[in-house]
């Protein structure tokens, strides 16, 4: 399958690398490929420049968001939450009829903080939307012809693509969305990643709880000194 990963941060890289290892053809989307490749300094999270990573992953091609989505059968959204709706609406024609697996969290941009995207090691990030709406819902409303499925939002993406690295994989992945076939498609991909326990939370409105969990996840990770972990639903 040809899969587009939109976003060049650590999460997007984790998905792109694992999908390639699983035998998929992967294209990565960014706003401006030339600008992305021209960066020589790590980002505010300490992620090395994308060009260095790309050189170590032959076969993965970097394109604009629209070009990558147009090329793909299946799309993964890792665009930062504050810009995801606008960026994806602009390429809606290339997303029509496709499944969009969204793992973005709607963190609020805070230009007064030393890091524009605060982390729990600096300050607890705010979410917008929150409680009465969610990024997942906004994406589905903005992209009525796209099948949005929220997934991989309750853990780091390194864990999402390799669940067995934490507790042998004995933890739970959550998904939500309106289209049953799209959720089955996402579940199949998650199984390929190694997830054994995938819990369908139902309609896209469940994104509210999934995204708000980012606060709890940040608090737990801060308490653990930054260690990765998984959540297991016992039933």
C-alpha atoms as a PDB file:
ATOM      1  CA  UNK A   1       0.000   0.000   0.000  1.00  0.00           C
ATOM      2  CA  UNK A   2       1.171   3.552  -0.666  1.00  0.00           C
ATOM      3  CA  UNK A   3       0.927   5.612   2.511  1.00  0.00           C
ATOM      4  CA  UNK A   4       1.418   9.343   3.019  1.00  0.00           C
ATOM      5  CA  UNK A   5       2.698  10.560   6.367  1.00  0.00           C
ATOM      6  CA  UNK A   6       2.006  14.279   6.738  1.00  0.00           C
ATOM      7  CA  UNK A   7       4.498  15.924   9.066  1.00  0.00           C
ATOM      8  CA  UNK A   8       8.261  15.606   9.480  1.00  0.00           C
ATOM      9  CA  UNK A   9       8.582  15.608  13.269  1.00  0.00           C
ATOM     10  CA  UNK A  10       9.617  12.679  15.409  1.00  0.00           C
ATOM     11  CA  UNK A  11       6.178  11.094  15.259  1.00  0.00           C
ATOM     12  CA  UNK A  12       5.949  11.219  11.484  1.00  0.00           C
ATOM     13  CA  UNK A  13       9.436   9.788  11.192  1.00  0.00           C
ATOM     14  CA  UNK A  14       8.533   6.897  13.489  1.00  0.00           C
ATOM     15  CA  UNK A  15       5.533   5.971  11.352  1.00  0.00           C
ATOM     16  CA  UNK A  16       7.388   6.417   8.064  1.00  0.00           C
ATOM     17  CA  UNK A  17      10.296   4.221   9.143  1.00  0.00           C
ATOM     18  CA  UNK A  18       8.101   1.423  10.499  1.00  0.00           C
ATOM     19  CA  UNK A  19       5.759   1.454   7.514  1.00  0.00           C
ATOM     20  CA  UNK A  20       8.737   1.153   5.191  1.00  0.00           C
ATOM     21  CA  UNK A  21      10.045  -1.774   7.237  1.00  0.00           C
ATOM     22  CA  UNK A  22       6.617  -3.414   6.872  1.00  0.00           C
ATOM     23  CA  UNK A  23       6.930  -3.197   3.076  1.00  0.00           C
ATOM     24  CA  UNK A  24       4.733  -0.196   2.324  1.00  0.00           C
ATOM     25  CA  UNK A  25       5.676   2.564  -0.082  1.00  0.00           C
ATOM     26  CA  UNK A  26       5.922   5.740   1.988  1.00  0.00           C
ATOM     27  CA  UNK A  27       5.875   9.397   1.010  1.00  0.00           C
ATOM     28  CA  UNK A  28       6.254  12.174   3.583  1.00  0.00           C
ATOM     29  CA  UNK A  29       4.467  15.495   3.261  1.00  0.00           C
ATOM     30  CA  UNK A  30       5.634  18.905   4.469  1.00  0.00           C
ATOM     31  CA  UNK A  31       4.590  22.510   3.820  1.00  0.00           C
ATOM     32  CA  UNK A  32       7.743  23.421   1.904  1.00  0.00           C
ATOM     33  CA  UNK A  33      10.159  20.601   1.025  1.00  0.00           C
ATOM     34  CA  UNK A  34      13.011  22.959   0.178  1.00  0.00           C
ATOM     35  CA  UNK A  35      12.719  24.781   3.491  1.00  0.00           C
ATOM     36  CA  UNK A  36      12.461  21.504   5.386  1.00  0.00           C
ATOM     37  CA  UNK A  37      15.613  20.127   3.776  1.00  0.00           C
ATOM     38  CA  UNK A  38      17.456  23.412   4.285  1.00  0.00           C
ATOM     39  CA  UNK A  39      17.174  23.262   8.079  1.00  0.00           C
ATOM     40  CA  UNK A  40      20.450  22.475   9.805  1.00  0.00           C
ATOM     41  CA  UNK A  41      19.505  22.831  13.473  1.00  0.00           C
ATOM     42  CA  UNK A  42      17.374  20.560  15.684  1.00  0.00           C
ATOM     43  CA  UNK A  43      13.833  21.741  16.361  1.00  0.00           C
ATOM     44  CA  UNK A  44      12.650  22.913  19.798  1.00  0.00           C
ATOM     45  CA  UNK A  45      12.060  19.293  20.820  1.00  0.00           C
ATOM     46  CA  UNK A  46      15.654  18.445  19.956  1.00  0.00           C
ATOM     47  CA  UNK A  47      14.685  16.447  16.859  1.00  0.00           C
ATOM     48  CA  UNK A  48      17.580  16.447  14.367  1.00  0.00           C
ATOM     49  CA  UNK A  49      17.096  18.087  10.958  1.00  0.00           C
ATOM     50  CA  UNK A  50      14.855  16.086   8.670  1.00  0.00           C
ATOM     51  CA  UNK A  51      17.420  15.992   5.869  1.00  0.00           C
ATOM     52  CA  UNK A  52      19.752  13.920   8.032  1.00  0.00           C
ATOM     53  CA  UNK A  53      16.993  11.435   8.803  1.00  0.00           C
ATOM     54  CA  UNK A  54      15.879  11.233   5.169  1.00  0.00           C
ATOM     55  CA  UNK A  55      19.415  10.418   4.027  1.00  0.00           C
ATOM     56  CA  UNK A  56      19.347   7.401   6.342  1.00  0.00           C
ATOM     57  CA  UNK A  57      16.019   6.171   4.947  1.00  0.00           C
ATOM     58  CA  UNK A  58      16.414   5.634   1.210  1.00  0.00           C
ATOM     59  CA  UNK A  59      13.202   5.032  -0.677  1.00  0.00           C
ATOM     60  CA  UNK A  60      11.152   7.565   1.290  1.00  0.00           C
ATOM     61  CA  UNK A  61      10.303  10.627  -0.787  1.00  0.00           C
ATOM     62  CA  UNK A  62       9.599  14.120   0.560  1.00  0.00           C
ATOM     63  CA  UNK A  63       6.783  16.101  -1.098  1.00  0.00           C
ATOM     64  CA  UNK A  64       4.332  18.876  -0.323  1.00  0.00           C
ATOM     65  CA  UNK A  65       1.282  17.934   1.726  1.00  0.00           C
ATOM     66  CA  UNK A  66      -0.915  17.939  -1.366  1.00  0.00           C
ATOM     67  CA  UNK A  67       1.466  15.918  -3.504  1.00  0.00           C
ATOM     68  CA  UNK A  68       1.924  13.308  -0.810  1.00  0.00           C
ATOM     69  CA  UNK A  69      -1.822  12.949  -0.193  1.00  0.00           C
ATOM     70  CA  UNK A  70      -2.523  12.695  -3.914  1.00  0.00           C
ATOM     71  CA  UNK A  71       0.013   9.871  -4.253  1.00  0.00           C
ATOM     72  CA  UNK A  72      -1.356   7.812  -1.376  1.00  0.00           C
ATOM     73  CA  UNK A  73      -4.060   5.231  -0.746  1.00  0.00           C
ATOM     74  CA  UNK A  74      -3.997   5.891   3.014  1.00  0.00           C
ATOM     75  CA  UNK A  75      -2.960   9.051   4.885  1.00  0.00           C
ATOM     76  CA  UNK A  76      -1.565   9.598   8.376  1.00  0.00           C
ATOM     77  CA  UNK A  77      -1.848  13.082   9.850  1.00  0.00           C
ATOM     78  CA  UNK A  78       0.989  14.284  12.044  1.00  0.00           C
ATOM     79  CA  UNK A  79       0.629  17.999  11.293  1.00  0.00           C
ATOM     80  CA  UNK A  80       0.662  20.037  14.505  1.00  0.00           C
ATOM     81  CA  UNK A  81      -2.818  20.444  15.937  1.00  0.00           C
ATOM     82  CA  UNK A  82      -2.951  24.231  15.646  1.00  0.00           C
ATOM     83  CA  UNK A  83      -2.427  24.104  11.882  1.00  0.00           C
ATOM     84  CA  UNK A  84      -3.906  20.743  10.905  1.00  0.00           C
ATOM     85  CA  UNK A  85      -7.413  21.880   9.933  1.00  0.00           C
ATOM     86  CA  UNK A  86      -6.196  24.674   7.648  1.00  0.00           C
ATOM     87  CA  UNK A  87      -3.443  22.566   6.100  1.00  0.00           C
ATOM     88  CA  UNK A  88      -5.693  19.599   5.393  1.00  0.00           C
ATOM     89  CA  UNK A  89      -8.637  21.686   4.181  1.00  0.00           C
ATOM     90  CA  UNK A  90      -6.301  23.208   1.605  1.00  0.00           C
ATOM     91  CA  UNK A  91      -5.647  19.737   0.131  1.00  0.00           C
ATOM     92  CA  UNK A  92      -9.142  18.297   0.649  1.00  0.00           C
ATOM     93  CA  UNK A  93      -9.461  17.244  -2.996  1.00  0.00           C
ATOM     94  CA  UNK A  94      -6.557  14.836  -2.501  1.00  0.00           C
ATOM     95  CA  UNK A  95      -8.090  13.356   0.663  1.00  0.00           C
ATOM     96  CA  UNK A  96     -11.603  12.692  -0.658  1.00  0.00           C
ATOM     97  CA  UNK A  97     -12.635   9.063  -0.293  1.00  0.00           C
ATOM     98  CA  UNK A  98      -9.524   8.142   1.677  1.00  0.00           C
ATOM     99  CA  UNK A  99      -8.951   7.098   5.260  1.00  0.00           C
ATOM    100  CA  UNK A 100      -7.109   9.690   7.333  1.00  0.00           C
ATOM    101  CA  UNK A 101      -5.585   8.357  10.541  1.00  0.00           C
ATOM    102  CA  UNK A 102      -5.111  11.385  12.792  1.00  0.00           C
ATOM    103  CA  UNK A 103      -2.849  11.362  15.831  1.00  0.00           C
ATOM    104  CA  UNK A 104      -2.470  15.125  16.298  1.00  0.00           C
ATOM    105  CA  UNK A 105      -3.145  16.828  19.641  1.00  0.00           C
ATOM    106  CA  UNK A 106      -4.552  20.398  19.564  1.00  0.00           C
ATOM    107  CA  UNK A 107      -1.923  22.088  21.713  1.00  0.00           C
ATOM    108  CA  UNK A 108      -2.195  25.867  21.899  1.00  0.00           C
ATOM    109  CA  UNK A 109       0.594  27.991  20.451  1.00  0.00           C
ATOM    110  CA  UNK A 110       2.159  30.115  23.177  1.00  0.00           C
ATOM    111  CA  UNK A 111       4.620  32.663  21.733  1.00  0.00           C
ATOM    112  CA  UNK A 112       5.489  34.035  25.191  1.00  0.00           C
ATOM    113  CA  UNK A 113       6.947  30.729  26.360  1.00  0.00           C
ATOM    114  CA  UNK A 114      10.558  29.845  25.610  1.00  0.00           C
ATOM    115  CA  UNK A 115       9.262  26.901  23.582  1.00  0.00           C
ATOM    116  CA  UNK A 116       6.343  27.692  21.225  1.00  0.00           C
ATOM    117  CA  UNK A 117       4.842  24.278  21.951  1.00  0.00           C
ATOM    118  CA  UNK A 118       5.119  23.877  25.744  1.00  0.00           C
ATOM    119  CA  UNK A 119       5.904  20.449  27.134  1.00  0.00           C
ATOM    120  CA  UNK A 120       5.292  19.142  30.632  1.00  0.00           C
ATOM    121  CA  UNK A 121       8.977  19.743  31.336  1.00  0.00           C
ATOM    122  CA  UNK A 122       8.385  23.458  30.761  1.00  0.00           C
ATOM    123  CA  UNK A 123       4.692  24.093  31.383  1.00  0.00           C
ATOM    124  CA  UNK A 124       1.515  22.065  30.989  1.00  0.00           C
ATOM    125  CA  UNK A 125       0.193  22.718  27.475  1.00  0.00           C
ATOM    126  CA  UNK A 126      -3.299  24.050  26.887  1.00  0.00           C
ATOM    127  CA  UNK A 127      -5.691  22.443  24.411  1.00  0.00           C
ATOM    128  CA  UNK A 128      -7.945  24.169  21.896  1.00  0.00           C
ATOM    129  CA  UNK A 129     -10.496  22.871  21.113  1.00  0.00           C
ATOM    130  CA  UNK A 130     -11.260  21.037  24.318  1.00  0.00           C
ATOM    131  CA  UNK A 131     -14.239  19.550  26.163  1.00  0.00           C
ATOM    132  CA  UNK A 132     -17.078  20.723  23.882  1.00  0.00           C
ATOM    133  CA  UNK A 133     -15.246  19.943  20.624  1.00  0.00           C
ATOM    134  CA  UNK A 134     -12.102  18.173  19.418  1.00  0.00           C
ATOM    135  CA  UNK A 135      -9.561  18.369  16.647  1.00  0.00           C
ATOM    136  CA  UNK A 136     -10.782  15.048  15.304  1.00  0.00           C
ATOM    137  CA  UNK A 137     -14.327  16.372  15.005  1.00  0.00           C
ATOM    138  CA  UNK A 138     -13.132  19.589  13.380  1.00  0.00           C
ATOM    139  CA  UNK A 139     -11.180  17.614  10.826  1.00  0.00           C
ATOM    140  CA  UNK A 140     -14.188  15.447  10.010  1.00  0.00           C
ATOM    141  CA  UNK A 141     -16.422  18.497   9.603  1.00  0.00           C
ATOM    142  CA  UNK A 142     -13.841  20.223   7.417  1.00  0.00           C
ATOM    143  CA  UNK A 143     -13.310  17.066   5.342  1.00  0.00           C
ATOM    144  CA  UNK A 144     -16.769  15.526   4.889  1.00  0.00           C
ATOM    145  CA  UNK A 145     -15.595  13.276   2.050  1.00  0.00           C
ATOM    146  CA  UNK A 146     -12.648  11.930   4.066  1.00  0.00           C
ATOM    147  CA  UNK A 147     -12.939   9.097   6.581  1.00  0.00           C
ATOM    148  CA  UNK A 148     -11.225  10.423   9.702  1.00  0.00           C
ATOM    149  CA  UNK A 149     -10.129   7.925  12.345  1.00  0.00           C
ATOM    150  CA  UNK A 150      -8.467   9.131  15.536  1.00  0.00           C
ATOM    151  CA  UNK A 151      -5.755   6.765  16.736  1.00  0.00           C
ATOM    152  CA  UNK A 152      -2.272   6.722  18.273  1.00  0.00           C
ATOM    153  CA  UNK A 153      -3.072   9.816  20.334  1.00  0.00           C
ATOM    154  CA  UNK A 154      -2.731   8.323  23.822  1.00  0.00           C
ATOM    155  CA  UNK A 155       0.982   7.490  23.662  1.00  0.00           C
ATOM    156  CA  UNK A 156       4.187   8.658  21.998  1.00  0.00           C
ATOM    157  CA  UNK A 157       4.439   7.680  18.362  1.00  0.00           C
ATOM    158  CA  UNK A 158       7.564   5.603  19.030  1.00  0.00           C
ATOM    159  CA  UNK A 159       5.312   3.426  21.179  1.00  0.00           C
ATOM    160  CA  UNK A 160       2.468   3.547  18.659  1.00  0.00           C
ATOM    161  CA  UNK A 161       4.618   1.893  16.003  1.00  0.00           C
ATOM    162  CA  UNK A 162       6.314  -0.516  18.400  1.00  0.00           C
ATOM    163  CA  UNK A 163       3.972  -1.397  21.273  1.00  0.00           C
ATOM    164  CA  UNK A 164       6.006  -4.458  22.269  1.00  0.00           C
ATOM    165  CA  UNK A 165       8.793  -2.145  23.441  1.00  0.00           C
ATOM    166  CA  UNK A 166       6.640  -1.353  26.491  1.00  0.00           C
ATOM    167  CA  UNK A 167       5.577  -4.243  28.731  1.00  0.00           C
ATOM    168  CA  UNK A 168       5.757  -6.701  25.866  1.00  0.00           C
ATOM    169  CA  UNK A 169       2.866  -4.901  24.189  1.00  0.00           C
ATOM    170  CA  UNK A 170       0.376  -5.600  26.954  1.00  0.00           C
ATOM    171  CA  UNK A 171      -1.467  -2.299  26.703  1.00  0.00           C
ATOM    172  CA  UNK A 172      -4.400  -0.752  24.832  1.00  0.00           C
ATOM    173  CA  UNK A 173      -4.749   1.318  21.671  1.00  0.00           C
ATOM    174  CA  UNK A 174      -7.888   3.446  21.271  1.00  0.00           C
ATOM    175  CA  UNK A 175      -9.580   4.441  18.021  1.00  0.00           C
ATOM    176  CA  UNK A 176     -12.666   6.510  17.157  1.00  0.00           C
ATOM    177  CA  UNK A 177     -14.424   7.517  13.965  1.00  0.00           C
ATOM    178  CA  UNK A 178     -17.665   7.423  12.001  1.00  0.00           C
ATOM    179  CA  UNK A 179     -16.793   4.928   9.254  1.00  0.00           C
ATOM    180  CA  UNK A 180     -16.623   1.231  10.182  1.00  0.00           C
ATOM    181  CA  UNK A 181     -14.582   0.252   7.132  1.00  0.00           C
ATOM    182  CA  UNK A 182     -12.051   2.994   7.809  1.00  0.00           C
ATOM    183  CA  UNK A 183     -11.718   1.892  11.426  1.00  0.00           C
ATOM    184  CA  UNK A 184     -11.157  -1.667  10.223  1.00  0.00           C
ATOM    185  CA  UNK A 185      -8.432  -0.398   7.891  1.00  0.00           C
ATOM    186  CA  UNK A 186      -6.740   1.474  10.733  1.00  0.00           C
ATOM    187  CA  UNK A 187      -7.055  -1.545  13.016  1.00  0.00           C
ATOM    188  CA  UNK A 188      -5.356  -3.716  10.412  1.00  0.00           C
ATOM    189  CA  UNK A 189      -2.439  -1.295  10.310  1.00  0.00           C
ATOM    190  CA  UNK A 190      -2.255  -1.209  14.102  1.00  0.00           C
ATOM    191  CA  UNK A 191      -2.171  -5.015  14.173  1.00  0.00           C
ATOM    192  CA  UNK A 192       0.762  -4.882  11.776  1.00  0.00           C
ATOM    193  CA  UNK A 193       2.509  -2.531  14.199  1.00  0.00           C
ATOM    194  CA  UNK A 194       2.001  -5.180  16.884  1.00  0.00           C
ATOM    195  CA  UNK A 195      -1.091  -4.011  18.766  1.00  0.00           C
ATOM    196  CA  UNK A 196      -3.115  -6.890  20.196  1.00  0.00           C
ATOM    197  CA  UNK A 197      -5.657  -4.857  22.181  1.00  0.00           C
ATOM    198  CA  UNK A 198      -7.434  -2.239  20.037  1.00  0.00           C
ATOM    199  CA  UNK A 199     -10.497  -0.692  21.703  1.00  0.00           C
ATOM    200  CA  UNK A 200     -13.019   1.062  19.440  1.00  0.00           C
ATOM    201  CA  UNK A 201     -14.486   3.972  21.392  1.00  0.00           C
ATOM    202  CA  UNK A 202     -17.209   4.540  18.827  1.00  0.00           C
ATOM    203  CA  UNK A 203     -18.042   7.808  17.015  1.00  0.00           C
ATOM    204  CA  UNK A 204     -15.735  10.720  16.325  1.00  0.00           C
ATOM    205  CA  UNK A 205     -17.043  12.615  19.378  1.00  0.00           C
ATOM    206  CA  UNK A 206     -14.908  10.249  21.470  1.00  0.00           C
ATOM    207  CA  UNK A 207     -11.913  12.231  20.228  1.00  0.00           C
ATOM    208  CA  UNK A 208     -12.672  14.712  23.005  1.00  0.00           C
ATOM    209  CA  UNK A 209     -11.653  12.282  25.707  1.00  0.00           C
ATOM    210  CA  UNK A 210      -8.757  10.896  23.695  1.00  0.00           C
ATOM    211  CA  UNK A 211      -7.250  14.325  23.104  1.00  0.00           C
ATOM    212  CA  UNK A 212      -7.852  15.537  26.662  1.00  0.00           C
ATOM    213  CA  UNK A 213      -5.975  12.468  27.886  1.00  0.00           C
ATOM    214  CA  UNK A 214      -2.842  14.286  26.666  1.00  0.00           C
ATOM    215  CA  UNK A 215      -2.868  16.179  29.986  1.00  0.00           C
ATOM    216  CA  UNK A 216      -2.951  12.956  32.005  1.00  0.00           C
ATOM    217  CA  UNK A 217      -0.314  11.348  29.837  1.00  0.00           C
ATOM    218  CA  UNK A 218       1.961  14.363  30.246  1.00  0.00           C
ATOM    219  CA  UNK A 219       1.507  14.302  34.019  1.00  0.00           C
ATOM    220  CA  UNK A 220       2.299  10.583  34.268  1.00  0.00           C
ATOM    221  CA  UNK A 221       5.309  10.871  31.999  1.00  0.00           C
ATOM    222  CA  UNK A 222       6.590  13.838  33.988  1.00  0.00           C
ATOM    223  CA  UNK A 223       6.225  11.807  37.201  1.00  0.00           C
ATOM    224  CA  UNK A 224       8.169   8.967  35.570  1.00  0.00           C
ATOM    225  CA  UNK A 225      10.994  11.250  34.555  1.00  0.00           C
ATOM    226  CA  UNK A 226      10.101  11.121  30.878  1.00  0.00           C
ATOM    227  CA  UNK A 227       9.838   7.336  30.636  1.00  0.00           C
ATOM    228  CA  UNK A 228       7.508   5.845  28.052  1.00  0.00           C
ATOM    229  CA  UNK A 229       4.611   3.740  29.271  1.00  0.00           C
ATOM    230  CA  UNK A 230       1.337   2.156  28.159  1.00  0.00           C
ATOM    231  CA  UNK A 231      -2.234   2.140  29.467  1.00  0.00           C
ATOM    232  CA  UNK A 232      -4.044  -1.190  29.746  1.00  0.00           C
ATOM    233  CA  UNK A 233      -7.824  -1.446  29.878  1.00  0.00           C
ATOM    234  CA  UNK A 234      -8.735  -4.463  31.997  1.00  0.00           C
ATOM    235  CA  UNK A 235     -12.191  -5.860  31.273  1.00  0.00           C
END
